[in-house]
Structure formats: structure tokens, C-alpha cells
Full PDB file with SEQRES, HELIX, SHEET, SSBOND, CRYST1, ORIGX, SCALE, CONECT and MASTER records, all heavy atoms in Angstrom:
SEQRES   1 A   43  GLU PHE TRP SER LEU GLY LEU GLY LYS PRO TYR PRO ILE          
SEQRES   2 A   43  ASP ALA SER HIS GLY HIS GLY LEU SER ASN LEU MET GLU          
SEQRES   3 A   43  LEU ILE LEU SER PRO TYR MET ASN LYS ILE GLN GLU GLY          
SEQRES   4 A   43  GLN HIS ASP LEU                                              
HELIX    1 AA1 PHE A    2  LEU A    5  5                                   4    
HELIX    2 AA2 LEU A   21  ASP A   42  1                                  22    
CRYST1    1.000    1.000    1.000  90.00  90.00  90.00 P 1           1          
ORIGX1      1.000000  0.000000  0.000000        0.00000                         
ORIGX2      0.000000  1.000000  0.000000        0.00000                         
ORIGX3      0.000000  0.000000  1.000000        0.00000                         
SCALE1      1.000000  0.000000  0.000000        0.00000                         
SCALE2      0.000000  1.000000  0.000000        0.00000                         
SCALE3      0.000000  0.000000  1.000000        0.00000                         
ATOM      1  N   GLU A   1     114.240 106.364  51.804  1.00  0.00           N  
ATOM      2  CA  GLU A   1     114.316 105.400  52.901  1.00  0.00           C  
ATOM      3  C   GLU A   1     113.076 105.416  53.789  1.00  0.00           C  
ATOM      4  O   GLU A   1     112.788 104.438  54.482  1.00  0.00           O  
ATOM      5  CB  GLU A   1     115.564 105.658  53.740  1.00  0.00           C  
ATOM      6  CG  GLU A   1     115.638 107.057  54.338  1.00  0.00           C  
ATOM      7  CD  GLU A   1     116.904 107.269  55.149  1.00  0.00           C  
ATOM      8  OE1 GLU A   1     117.497 106.261  55.578  1.00  0.00           O  
ATOM      9  OE2 GLU A   1     117.315 108.435  55.347  1.00  0.00           O  
ATOM     10  N   PHE A   2     112.303 106.517  53.778  1.00  0.00           N  
ATOM     11  CA  PHE A   2     111.134 106.601  54.653  1.00  0.00           C  
ATOM     12  C   PHE A   2     109.918 105.866  54.076  1.00  0.00           C  
ATOM     13  O   PHE A   2     108.938 105.665  54.786  1.00  0.00           O  
ATOM     14  CB  PHE A   2     110.786 108.070  54.913  1.00  0.00           C  
ATOM     15  CG  PHE A   2     111.845 108.804  55.689  1.00  0.00           C  
ATOM     16  CD1 PHE A   2     112.683 109.721  55.072  1.00  0.00           C  
ATOM     17  CD2 PHE A   2     112.028 108.552  57.039  1.00  0.00           C  
ATOM     18  CE1 PHE A   2     113.658 110.397  55.781  1.00  0.00           C  
ATOM     19  CE2 PHE A   2     113.000 109.217  57.764  1.00  0.00           C  
ATOM     20  CZ  PHE A   2     113.827 110.145  57.132  1.00  0.00           C  
ATOM     21  N   TRP A   3     109.993 105.458  52.784  1.00  0.00           N  
ATOM     22  CA  TRP A   3     108.908 104.658  52.230  1.00  0.00           C  
ATOM     23  C   TRP A   3     108.806 103.301  52.923  1.00  0.00           C  
ATOM     24  O   TRP A   3     107.736 102.684  52.966  1.00  0.00           O  
ATOM     25  CB  TRP A   3     109.126 104.450  50.724  1.00  0.00           C  
ATOM     26  CG  TRP A   3     108.782 105.656  49.892  1.00  0.00           C  
ATOM     27  CD1 TRP A   3     109.617 106.645  49.492  1.00  0.00           C  
ATOM     28  CD2 TRP A   3     107.495 105.972  49.346  1.00  0.00           C  
ATOM     29  NE1 TRP A   3     108.957 107.571  48.726  1.00  0.00           N  
ATOM     30  CE2 TRP A   3     107.632 107.180  48.615  1.00  0.00           C  
ATOM     31  CE3 TRP A   3     106.240 105.363  49.390  1.00  0.00           C  
ATOM     32  CZ2 TRP A   3     106.578 107.778  47.947  1.00  0.00           C  
ATOM     33  CZ3 TRP A   3     105.180 105.960  48.723  1.00  0.00           C  
ATOM     34  CH2 TRP A   3     105.348 107.154  48.008  1.00  0.00           C  
ATOM     35  N   SER A   4     109.928 102.847  53.481  1.00  0.00           N  
ATOM     36  CA  SER A   4     109.940 101.524  54.116  1.00  0.00           C  
ATOM     37  C   SER A   4     109.139 101.469  55.406  1.00  0.00           C  
ATOM     38  O   SER A   4     108.879 100.387  55.935  1.00  0.00           O  
ATOM     39  CB  SER A   4     111.389 101.102  54.405  1.00  0.00           C  
ATOM     40  OG  SER A   4     112.001 102.000  55.315  1.00  0.00           O  
ATOM     41  N   LEU A   5     108.716 102.608  55.937  1.00  0.00           N  
ATOM     42  CA  LEU A   5     107.921 102.618  57.171  1.00  0.00           C  
ATOM     43  C   LEU A   5     106.507 102.119  56.942  1.00  0.00           C  
ATOM     44  O   LEU A   5     105.799 101.785  57.900  1.00  0.00           O  
ATOM     45  CB  LEU A   5     107.880 104.041  57.751  1.00  0.00           C  
ATOM     46  CG  LEU A   5     109.216 104.594  58.274  1.00  0.00           C  
ATOM     47  CD1 LEU A   5     109.054 106.044  58.699  1.00  0.00           C  
ATOM     48  CD2 LEU A   5     109.725 103.758  59.440  1.00  0.00           C  
ATOM     49  N   GLY A   6     106.069 102.075  55.691  1.00  0.00           N  
ATOM     50  CA  GLY A   6     104.744 101.550  55.393  1.00  0.00           C  
ATOM     51  C   GLY A   6     103.608 102.470  55.764  1.00  0.00           C  
ATOM     52  O   GLY A   6     102.490 102.006  56.012  1.00  0.00           O  
ATOM     53  N   LEU A   7     103.865 103.774  55.794  1.00  0.00           N  
ATOM     54  CA  LEU A   7     102.827 104.751  56.144  1.00  0.00           C  
ATOM     55  C   LEU A   7     102.400 105.583  54.947  1.00  0.00           C  
ATOM     56  O   LEU A   7     101.793 106.647  55.105  1.00  0.00           O  
ATOM     57  CB  LEU A   7     103.321 105.670  57.271  1.00  0.00           C  
ATOM     58  CG  LEU A   7     103.558 104.993  58.620  1.00  0.00           C  
ATOM     59  CD1 LEU A   7     104.193 105.960  59.597  1.00  0.00           C  
ATOM     60  CD2 LEU A   7     102.252 104.449  59.180  1.00  0.00           C  
ATOM     61  N   GLY A   8     102.744 105.109  53.768  1.00  0.00           N  
ATOM     62  CA  GLY A   8     102.342 105.828  52.574  1.00  0.00           C  
ATOM     63  C   GLY A   8     103.358 106.885  52.167  1.00  0.00           C  
ATOM     64  O   GLY A   8     104.533 106.835  52.539  1.00  0.00           O  
ATOM     65  N   LYS A   9     102.886 107.850  51.390  1.00  0.00           N  
ATOM     66  CA  LYS A   9     103.753 108.866  50.815  1.00  0.00           C  
ATOM     67  C   LYS A   9     104.327 109.768  51.894  1.00  0.00           C  
ATOM     68  O   LYS A   9     103.596 110.308  52.730  1.00  0.00           O  
ATOM     69  CB  LYS A   9     102.951 109.701  49.816  1.00  0.00           C  
ATOM     70  CG  LYS A   9     103.754 110.832  49.190  1.00  0.00           C  
ATOM     71  CD  LYS A   9     102.883 111.668  48.258  1.00  0.00           C  
ATOM     72  CE  LYS A   9     103.678 112.847  47.709  1.00  0.00           C  
ATOM     73  NZ  LYS A   9     102.864 113.691  46.806  1.00  0.00           N  
ATOM     74  N   PRO A  10     105.659 109.987  51.910  1.00  0.00           N  
ATOM     75  CA  PRO A  10     106.244 110.976  52.826  1.00  0.00           C  
ATOM     76  C   PRO A  10     106.128 112.390  52.243  1.00  0.00           C  
ATOM     77  O   PRO A  10     106.346 112.592  51.052  1.00  0.00           O  
ATOM     78  CB  PRO A  10     107.708 110.532  52.949  1.00  0.00           C  
ATOM     79  CG  PRO A  10     107.977 109.692  51.741  1.00  0.00           C  
ATOM     80  CD  PRO A  10     106.679 109.179  51.223  1.00  0.00           C  
ATOM     81  N   TYR A  11     105.794 113.343  53.104  1.00  0.00           N  
ATOM     82  CA  TYR A  11     105.603 114.728  52.673  1.00  0.00           C  
ATOM     83  C   TYR A  11     106.765 115.583  53.184  1.00  0.00           C  
ATOM     84  O   TYR A  11     106.950 115.724  54.399  1.00  0.00           O  
ATOM     85  CB  TYR A  11     104.281 115.276  53.204  1.00  0.00           C  
ATOM     86  CG  TYR A  11     103.072 114.561  52.638  1.00  0.00           C  
ATOM     87  CD1 TYR A  11     102.543 113.438  53.265  1.00  0.00           C  
ATOM     88  CD2 TYR A  11     102.483 115.007  51.467  1.00  0.00           C  
ATOM     89  CE1 TYR A  11     101.441 112.774  52.735  1.00  0.00           C  
ATOM     90  CE2 TYR A  11     101.381 114.350  50.929  1.00  0.00           C  
ATOM     91  CZ  TYR A  11     100.870 113.239  51.575  1.00  0.00           C  
ATOM     92  OH  TYR A  11      99.780 112.584  51.039  1.00  0.00           O  
ATOM     93  N   PRO A  12     107.570 116.157  52.287  1.00  0.00           N  
ATOM     94  CA  PRO A  12     108.728 116.953  52.728  1.00  0.00           C  
ATOM     95  C   PRO A  12     108.320 118.369  53.124  1.00  0.00           C  
ATOM     96  O   PRO A  12     107.561 119.036  52.412  1.00  0.00           O  
ATOM     97  CB  PRO A  12     109.620 116.966  51.479  1.00  0.00           C  
ATOM     98  CG  PRO A  12     108.671 116.839  50.334  1.00  0.00           C  
ATOM     99  CD  PRO A  12     107.509 116.013  50.827  1.00  0.00           C  
ATOM    100  N   ILE A  13     108.808 118.832  54.262  1.00  0.00           N  
ATOM    101  CA  ILE A  13     108.575 120.210  54.713  1.00  0.00           C  
ATOM    102  C   ILE A  13     109.825 120.714  55.422  1.00  0.00           C  
ATOM    103  O   ILE A  13     110.768 119.955  55.693  1.00  0.00           O  
ATOM    104  CB  ILE A  13     107.376 120.314  55.680  1.00  0.00           C  
ATOM    105  CG1 ILE A  13     107.715 119.643  57.020  1.00  0.00           C  
ATOM    106  CG2 ILE A  13     106.106 119.759  55.090  1.00  0.00           C  
ATOM    107  CD1 ILE A  13     106.790 120.023  58.157  1.00  0.00           C  
ATOM    108  N   ASP A  14     109.827 121.984  55.714  1.00  0.00           N  
ATOM    109  CA  ASP A  14     110.813 122.579  56.616  1.00  0.00           C  
ATOM    110  C   ASP A  14     110.058 123.497  57.553  1.00  0.00           C  
ATOM    111  O   ASP A  14     109.605 124.584  57.152  1.00  0.00           O  
ATOM    112  CB  ASP A  14     111.898 123.346  55.855  1.00  0.00           C  
ATOM    113  CG  ASP A  14     113.067 123.713  56.742  1.00  0.00           C  
ATOM    114  OD1 ASP A  14     112.880 124.575  57.622  1.00  0.00           O  
ATOM    115  OD2 ASP A  14     114.161 123.137  56.586  1.00  0.00           O  
ATOM    116  N   ALA A  15     109.872 123.075  58.797  1.00  0.00           N  
ATOM    117  CA  ALA A  15     109.059 123.820  59.754  1.00  0.00           C  
ATOM    118  C   ALA A  15     109.666 125.166  60.106  1.00  0.00           C  
ATOM    119  O   ALA A  15     108.943 126.124  60.390  1.00  0.00           O  
ATOM    120  CB  ALA A  15     108.855 122.990  61.026  1.00  0.00           C  
ATOM    121  N   SER A  16     110.980 125.264  60.077  1.00  0.00           N  
ATOM    122  CA  SER A  16     111.636 126.527  60.442  1.00  0.00           C  
ATOM    123  C   SER A  16     111.332 127.630  59.443  1.00  0.00           C  
ATOM    124  O   SER A  16     111.164 128.791  59.809  1.00  0.00           O  
ATOM    125  CB  SER A  16     113.148 126.328  60.558  1.00  0.00           C  
ATOM    126  OG  SER A  16     113.461 125.413  61.584  1.00  0.00           O  
ATOM    127  N   HIS A  17     111.281 127.282  58.155  1.00  0.00           N  
ATOM    128  CA  HIS A  17     111.062 128.270  57.103  1.00  0.00           C  
ATOM    129  C   HIS A  17     109.670 128.181  56.491  1.00  0.00           C  
ATOM    130  O   HIS A  17     109.291 129.043  55.694  1.00  0.00           O  
ATOM    131  CB  HIS A  17     112.109 128.098  56.000  1.00  0.00           C  
ATOM    132  CG  HIS A  17     113.524 128.172  56.494  1.00  0.00           C  
ATOM    133  ND1 HIS A  17     114.229 127.051  56.899  1.00  0.00           N  
ATOM    134  CD2 HIS A  17     114.362 129.220  56.671  1.00  0.00           C  
ATOM    135  CE1 HIS A  17     115.438 127.420  57.288  1.00  0.00           C  
ATOM    136  NE2 HIS A  17     115.548 128.718  57.165  1.00  0.00           N  
ATOM    137  N   GLY A  18     108.902 127.146  56.807  1.00  0.00           N  
ATOM    138  CA  GLY A  18     107.560 127.004  56.276  1.00  0.00           C  
ATOM    139  C   GLY A  18     107.480 126.393  54.894  1.00  0.00           C  
ATOM    140  O   GLY A  18     106.413 126.393  54.278  1.00  0.00           O  
ATOM    141  N   HIS A  19     108.593 125.854  54.383  1.00  0.00           N  
ATOM    142  CA  HIS A  19     108.603 125.295  53.036  1.00  0.00           C  
ATOM    143  C   HIS A  19     107.745 124.023  52.976  1.00  0.00           C  
ATOM    144  O   HIS A  19     107.891 123.120  53.806  1.00  0.00           O  
ATOM    145  CB  HIS A  19     110.027 124.964  52.603  1.00  0.00           C  
ATOM    146  CG  HIS A  19     110.907 126.174  52.528  1.00  0.00           C  
ATOM    147  ND1 HIS A  19     112.288 126.108  52.517  1.00  0.00           N  
ATOM    148  CD2 HIS A  19     110.607 127.499  52.469  1.00  0.00           C  
ATOM    149  CE1 HIS A  19     112.789 127.323  52.458  1.00  0.00           C  
ATOM    150  NE2 HIS A  19     111.790 128.181  52.437  1.00  0.00           N  
ATOM    151  N   GLY A  20     106.852 123.962  51.993  1.00  0.00           N  
ATOM    152  CA  GLY A  20     106.014 122.786  51.780  1.00  0.00           C  
ATOM    153  C   GLY A  20     104.869 122.645  52.748  1.00  0.00           C  
ATOM    154  O   GLY A  20     104.070 121.702  52.620  1.00  0.00           O  
ATOM    155  N   LEU A  21     104.744 123.533  53.702  1.00  0.00           N  
ATOM    156  CA  LEU A  21     103.727 123.374  54.739  1.00  0.00           C  
ATOM    157  C   LEU A  21     102.336 123.743  54.225  1.00  0.00           C  
ATOM    158  O   LEU A  21     101.349 123.076  54.563  1.00  0.00           O  
ATOM    159  CB  LEU A  21     104.086 124.217  55.958  1.00  0.00           C  
ATOM    160  CG  LEU A  21     103.276 123.982  57.226  1.00  0.00           C  
ATOM    161  CD1 LEU A  21     103.353 122.537  57.660  1.00  0.00           C  
ATOM    162  CD2 LEU A  21     103.752 124.890  58.349  1.00  0.00           C  
ATOM    163  N   SER A  22     102.244 124.786  53.411  1.00  0.00           N  
ATOM    164  CA  SER A  22     100.927 125.218  52.927  1.00  0.00           C  
ATOM    165  C   SER A  22     100.286 124.148  52.047  1.00  0.00           C  
ATOM    166  O   SER A  22      99.079 123.886  52.154  1.00  0.00           O  
ATOM    167  CB  SER A  22     101.063 126.536  52.158  1.00  0.00           C  
ATOM    168  OG  SER A  22     101.954 126.386  51.062  1.00  0.00           O  
ATOM    169  N   ASN A  23     101.078 123.513  51.182  1.00  0.00           N  
ATOM    170  CA  ASN A  23     100.523 122.450  50.330  1.00  0.00           C  
ATOM    171  C   ASN A  23     100.033 121.267  51.156  1.00  0.00           C  
ATOM    172  O   ASN A  23      98.980 120.680  50.877  1.00  0.00           O  
ATOM    173  CB  ASN A  23     101.578 121.982  49.323  1.00  0.00           C  
ATOM    174  CG  ASN A  23     101.965 123.064  48.341  1.00  0.00           C  
ATOM    175  OD1 ASN A  23     101.168 123.958  48.061  1.00  0.00           O  
ATOM    176  ND2 ASN A  23     103.184 123.000  47.825  1.00  0.00           N  
ATOM    177  N   LEU A  24     100.807 120.911  52.191  1.00  0.00           N  
ATOM    178  CA  LEU A  24     100.412 119.802  53.047  1.00  0.00           C  
ATOM    179  C   LEU A  24      99.113 120.108  53.787  1.00  0.00           C  
ATOM    180  O   LEU A  24      98.204 119.276  53.864  1.00  0.00           O  
ATOM    181  CB  LEU A  24     101.538 119.487  54.032  1.00  0.00           C  
ATOM    182  CG  LEU A  24     101.245 118.423  55.102  1.00  0.00           C  
ATOM    183  CD1 LEU A  24     100.937 117.083  54.458  1.00  0.00           C  
ATOM    184  CD2 LEU A  24     102.405 118.303  56.076  1.00  0.00           C  
ATOM    185  N   MET A  25      98.989 121.320  54.330  1.00  0.00           N  
ATOM    186  CA  MET A  25      97.795 121.675  55.102  1.00  0.00           C  
ATOM    187  C   MET A  25      96.569 121.794  54.212  1.00  0.00           C  
ATOM    188  O   MET A  25      95.458 121.452  54.630  1.00  0.00           O  
ATOM    189  CB  MET A  25      98.038 122.985  55.860  1.00  0.00           C  
ATOM    190  CG  MET A  25      99.161 122.911  56.895  1.00  0.00           C  
ATOM    191  SD  MET A  25      99.006 121.510  58.039  1.00  0.00           S  
ATOM    192  CE  MET A  25      97.460 121.886  58.827  1.00  0.00           C  
ATOM    193  N   GLU A  26      96.740 122.283  52.986  1.00  0.00           N  
ATOM    194  CA  GLU A  26      95.610 122.346  52.065  1.00  0.00           C  
ATOM    195  C   GLU A  26      95.096 120.940  51.738  1.00  0.00           C  
ATOM    196  O   GLU A  26      93.889 120.713  51.631  1.00  0.00           O  
ATOM    197  CB  GLU A  26      96.016 123.070  50.780  1.00  0.00           C  
ATOM    198  CG  GLU A  26      96.174 124.579  50.950  1.00  0.00           C  
ATOM    199  CD  GLU A  26      96.597 125.251  49.664  1.00  0.00           C  
ATOM    200  OE1 GLU A  26      96.663 124.547  48.627  1.00  0.00           O  
ATOM    201  OE2 GLU A  26      96.860 126.468  49.700  1.00  0.00           O  
ATOM    202  N   LEU A  27      96.015 119.995  51.588  1.00  0.00           N  
ATOM    203  CA  LEU A  27      95.620 118.611  51.309  1.00  0.00           C  
ATOM    204  C   LEU A  27      94.852 118.017  52.476  1.00  0.00           C  
ATOM    205  O   LEU A  27      93.827 117.346  52.301  1.00  0.00           O  
ATOM    206  CB  LEU A  27      96.873 117.777  50.999  1.00  0.00           C  
ATOM    207  CG  LEU A  27      96.661 116.266  50.847  1.00  0.00           C  
ATOM    208  CD1 LEU A  27      95.811 115.971  49.613  1.00  0.00           C  
ATOM    209  CD2 LEU A  27      98.011 115.547  50.761  1.00  0.00           C  
ATOM    210  N   ILE A  28      95.322 118.267  53.682  1.00  0.00           N  
ATOM    211  CA  ILE A  28      94.716 117.662  54.870  1.00  0.00           C  
ATOM    212  C   ILE A  28      93.388 118.323  55.226  1.00  0.00           C  
ATOM    213  O   ILE A  28      92.420 117.657  55.599  1.00  0.00           O  
ATOM    214  CB  ILE A  28      95.706 117.743  56.051  1.00  0.00           C  
ATOM    215  CG1 ILE A  28      96.924 116.864  55.771  1.00  0.00           C  
ATOM    216  CG2 ILE A  28      95.042 117.344  57.360  1.00  0.00           C  
ATOM    217  CD1 ILE A  28      98.039 117.059  56.733  1.00  0.00           C  
ATOM    218  N   LEU A  29      93.328 119.644  55.096  1.00  0.00           N  
ATOM    219  CA  LEU A  29      92.142 120.381  55.522  1.00  0.00           C  
ATOM    220  C   LEU A  29      91.096 120.524  54.430  1.00  0.00           C  
ATOM    221  O   LEU A  29      90.019 121.068  54.684  1.00  0.00           O  
ATOM    222  CB  LEU A  29      92.551 121.776  56.024  1.00  0.00           C  
ATOM    223  CG  LEU A  29      93.496 121.815  57.224  1.00  0.00           C  
ATOM    224  CD1 LEU A  29      93.879 123.241  57.550  1.00  0.00           C  
ATOM    225  CD2 LEU A  29      92.866 121.154  58.447  1.00  0.00           C  
ATOM    226  N   SER A  30      91.392 120.087  53.215  1.00  0.00           N  
ATOM    227  CA  SER A  30      90.452 120.262  52.107  1.00  0.00           C  
ATOM    228  C   SER A  30      89.093 119.607  52.379  1.00  0.00           C  
ATOM    229  O   SER A  30      88.053 120.188  52.032  1.00  0.00           O  
ATOM    230  CB  SER A  30      91.053 119.728  50.802  1.00  0.00           C  
ATOM    231  OG  SER A  30      91.416 118.361  50.924  1.00  0.00           O  
ATOM    232  N   PRO A  31      89.008 118.393  52.964  1.00  0.00           N  
ATOM    233  CA  PRO A  31      87.665 117.839  53.255  1.00  0.00           C  
ATOM    234  C   PRO A  31      86.854 118.712  54.198  1.00  0.00           C  
ATOM    235  O   PRO A  31      85.643 118.861  54.028  1.00  0.00           O  
ATOM    236  CB  PRO A  31      87.980 116.473  53.876  1.00  0.00           C  
ATOM    237  CG  PRO A  31      89.357 116.138  53.416  1.00  0.00           C  
ATOM    238  CD  PRO A  31      90.070 117.436  53.313  1.00  0.00           C  
ATOM    239  N   TYR A  32      87.508 119.314  55.199  1.00  0.00           N  
ATOM    240  CA  TYR A  32      86.803 120.162  56.148  1.00  0.00           C  
ATOM    241  C   TYR A  32      86.422 121.487  55.513  1.00  0.00           C  
ATOM    242  O   TYR A  32      85.349 122.042  55.800  1.00  0.00           O  
ATOM    243  CB  TYR A  32      87.667 120.400  57.388  1.00  0.00           C  
ATOM    244  CG  TYR A  32      88.050 119.124  58.095  1.00  0.00           C  
ATOM    245  CD1 TYR A  32      89.247 118.481  57.799  1.00  0.00           C  
ATOM    246  CD2 TYR A  32      87.215 118.559  59.043  1.00  0.00           C  
ATOM    247  CE1 TYR A  32      89.607 117.305  58.446  1.00  0.00           C  
ATOM    248  CE2 TYR A  32      87.558 117.378  59.693  1.00  0.00           C  
ATOM    249  CZ  TYR A  32      88.761 116.761  59.381  1.00  0.00           C  
ATOM    250  OH  TYR A  32      89.108 115.600  60.019  1.00  0.00           O  
ATOM    251  N   MET A  33      87.288 122.020  54.621  1.00  0.00           N  
ATOM    252  CA  MET A  33      86.976 123.269  53.930  1.00  0.00           C  
ATOM    253  C   MET A  33      85.801 123.076  52.978  1.00  0.00           C  
ATOM    254  O   MET A  33      84.967 123.960  52.816  1.00  0.00           O  
ATOM    255  CB  MET A  33      88.211 123.761  53.185  1.00  0.00           C  
ATOM    256  CG  MET A  33      89.365 124.140  54.101  1.00  0.00           C  
ATOM    257  SD  MET A  33      90.891 124.496  53.219  1.00  0.00           S  
ATOM    258  CE  MET A  33      90.403 125.941  52.294  1.00  0.00           C  
ATOM    259  N   ASN A  34      85.710 121.913  52.330  1.00  0.00           N  
ATOM    260  CA  ASN A  34      84.597 121.641  51.428  1.00  0.00           C  
ATOM    261  C   ASN A  34      83.274 121.597  52.187  1.00  0.00           C  
ATOM    262  O   ASN A  34      82.244 122.061  51.703  1.00  0.00           O  
ATOM    263  CB  ASN A  34      84.823 120.314  50.692  1.00  0.00           C  
ATOM    264  CG  ASN A  34      85.985 120.383  49.719  1.00  0.00           C  
ATOM    265  OD1 ASN A  34      86.334 121.467  49.231  1.00  0.00           O  
ATOM    266  ND2 ASN A  34      86.584 119.241  49.423  1.00  0.00           N  
ATOM    267  N   LYS A  35      83.306 121.034  53.405  1.00  0.00           N  
ATOM    268  CA  LYS A  35      82.083 120.987  54.211  1.00  0.00           C  
ATOM    269  C   LYS A  35      81.619 122.391  54.584  1.00  0.00           C  
ATOM    270  O   LYS A  35      80.426 122.688  54.578  1.00  0.00           O  
ATOM    271  CB  LYS A  35      82.326 120.156  55.478  1.00  0.00           C  
ATOM    272  CG  LYS A  35      82.466 118.663  55.216  1.00  0.00           C  
ATOM    273  CD  LYS A  35      82.654 117.916  56.522  1.00  0.00           C  
ATOM    274  CE  LYS A  35      82.792 116.415  56.255  1.00  0.00           C  
ATOM    275  NZ  LYS A  35      82.983 115.658  57.509  1.00  0.00           N  
ATOM    276  N   ILE A  36      82.575 123.258  54.901  1.00  0.00           N  
ATOM    277  CA  ILE A  36      82.214 124.636  55.257  1.00  0.00           C  
ATOM    278  C   ILE A  36      81.620 125.356  54.057  1.00  0.00           C  
ATOM    279  O   ILE A  36      80.617 126.071  54.160  1.00  0.00           O  
ATOM    280  CB  ILE A  36      83.453 125.384  55.790  1.00  0.00           C  
ATOM    281  CG1 ILE A  36      83.904 124.769  57.115  1.00  0.00           C  
ATOM    282  CG2 ILE A  36      83.160 126.858  55.969  1.00  0.00           C  
ATOM    283  CD1 ILE A  36      85.162 125.375  57.664  1.00  0.00           C  
ATOM    284  N   GLN A  37      82.226 125.164  52.866  1.00  0.00           N  
ATOM    285  CA  GLN A  37      81.710 125.809  51.666  1.00  0.00           C  
ATOM    286  C   GLN A  37      80.324 125.290  51.309  1.00  0.00           C  
ATOM    287  O   GLN A  37      79.445 126.052  50.903  1.00  0.00           O  
ATOM    288  CB  GLN A  37      82.689 125.591  50.515  1.00  0.00           C  
ATOM    289  CG  GLN A  37      84.018 126.314  50.699  1.00  0.00           C  
ATOM    290  CD  GLN A  37      85.028 125.964  49.621  1.00  0.00           C  
ATOM    291  OE1 GLN A  37      84.749 125.140  48.753  1.00  0.00           O  
ATOM    292  NE2 GLN A  37      86.193 126.598  49.667  1.00  0.00           N  
ATOM    293  N   GLU A  38      80.103 123.984  51.474  1.00  0.00           N  
ATOM    294  CA  GLU A  38      78.776 123.421  51.217  1.00  0.00           C  
ATOM    295  C   GLU A  38      77.748 123.991  52.185  1.00  0.00           C  
ATOM    296  O   GLU A  38      76.615 124.303  51.802  1.00  0.00           O  
ATOM    297  CB  GLU A  38      78.825 121.897  51.339  1.00  0.00           C  
ATOM    298  CG  GLU A  38      79.612 121.211  50.238  1.00  0.00           C  
ATOM    299  CD  GLU A  38      79.743 119.715  50.486  1.00  0.00           C  
ATOM    300  OE1 GLU A  38      79.170 119.255  51.490  1.00  0.00           O  
ATOM    301  OE2 GLU A  38      80.406 119.045  49.682  1.00  0.00           O  
ATOM    302  N   GLY A  39      78.150 124.145  53.428  1.00  0.00           N  
ATOM    303  CA  GLY A  39      77.231 124.708  54.409  1.00  0.00           C  
ATOM    304  C   GLY A  39      76.888 126.145  54.103  1.00  0.00           C  
ATOM    305  O   GLY A  39      75.746 126.581  54.257  1.00  0.00           O  
ATOM    306  N   GLN A  40      77.882 126.930  53.652  1.00  0.00           N  
ATOM    307  CA  GLN A  40      77.620 128.315  53.289  1.00  0.00           C  
ATOM    308  C   GLN A  40      76.692 128.392  52.078  1.00  0.00           C  
ATOM    309  O   GLN A  40      75.841 129.269  51.982  1.00  0.00           O  
ATOM    310  CB  GLN A  40      78.947 129.027  53.006  1.00  0.00           C  
ATOM    311  CG  GLN A  40      79.790 129.235  54.242  1.00  0.00           C  
ATOM    312  CD  GLN A  40      81.142 129.823  53.915  1.00  0.00           C  
ATOM    313  OE1 GLN A  40      81.551 129.863  52.749  1.00  0.00           O  
ATOM    314  NE2 GLN A  40      81.849 130.283  54.934  1.00  0.00           N  
ATOM    315  N   HIS A  41      76.852 127.450  51.120  1.00  0.00           N  
ATOM    316  CA  HIS A  41      75.974 127.422  49.951  1.00  0.00           C  
ATOM    317  C   HIS A  41      74.547 127.083  50.361  1.00  0.00           C  
ATOM    318  O   HIS A  41      73.577 127.683  49.872  1.00  0.00           O  
ATOM    319  CB  HIS A  41      76.495 126.396  48.939  1.00  0.00           C  
ATOM    320  CG  HIS A  41      75.711 126.380  47.656  1.00  0.00           C  
ATOM    321  ND1 HIS A  41      74.670 125.495  47.448  1.00  0.00           N  
ATOM    322  CD2 HIS A  41      75.811 127.135  46.534  1.00  0.00           C  
ATOM    323  CE1 HIS A  41      74.161 125.700  46.248  1.00  0.00           C  
ATOM    324  NE2 HIS A  41      74.838 126.693  45.661  1.00  0.00           N  
ATOM    325  N   ASP A  42      74.393 126.144  51.288  1.00  0.00           N  
ATOM    326  CA  ASP A  42      73.064 125.816  51.799  1.00  0.00           C  
ATOM    327  C   ASP A  42      72.435 126.994  52.524  1.00  0.00           C  
ATOM    328  O   ASP A  42      71.232 127.230  52.430  1.00  0.00           O  
ATOM    329  CB  ASP A  42      73.137 124.620  52.752  1.00  0.00           C  
ATOM    330  CG  ASP A  42      73.544 123.336  52.020  1.00  0.00           C  
ATOM    331  OD1 ASP A  42      73.406 123.293  50.783  1.00  0.00           O  
ATOM    332  OD2 ASP A  42      74.011 122.397  52.708  1.00  0.00           O  
ATOM    333  N   LEU A  43      73.262 127.741  53.212  1.00  0.00           N  
ATOM    334  CA  LEU A  43      72.766 128.898  53.957  1.00  0.00           C  
ATOM    335  C   LEU A  43      72.245 129.971  53.014  1.00  0.00           C  
ATOM    336  O   LEU A  43      71.211 130.585  53.254  1.00  0.00           O  
ATOM    337  CB  LEU A  43      73.886 129.461  54.838  1.00  0.00           C  
ATOM    338  CG  LEU A  43      73.571 130.765  55.597  1.00  0.00           C  
ATOM    339  CD1 LEU A  43      72.434 130.514  56.576  1.00  0.00           C  
ATOM    340  CD2 LEU A  43      74.808 131.254  56.312  1.00  0.00           C  
TER     341      LEU A  43                                                      
MASTER        0    0    0    2    0    0    0    6  340    1    0    4          
END                                                                             
């Protein structure tokens, strides 16, 4: 039912137990982590 909001794919998590949270954060933070790794390689 949440697909009807028109915001794209819904991501299931449980904040109380941390279920699904690590996968979501890796997806979101991956562009920033890649920039850090590229900078370390340049260094």
C-alpha cells in the first residue's frame, strides 16, 4: 500500500531491533564512502 505514495521503493526496517537498518544505511551512505576511499587513494 505504501507504493501508492509515489516516493519510490519502500524500505522495511525495525528501529527498535535494528532489522534492515544496516542495508539501508549502506545504500544511502555508499556515495559518500566512495568519495572518502577515492580521497584516501589520492593521498
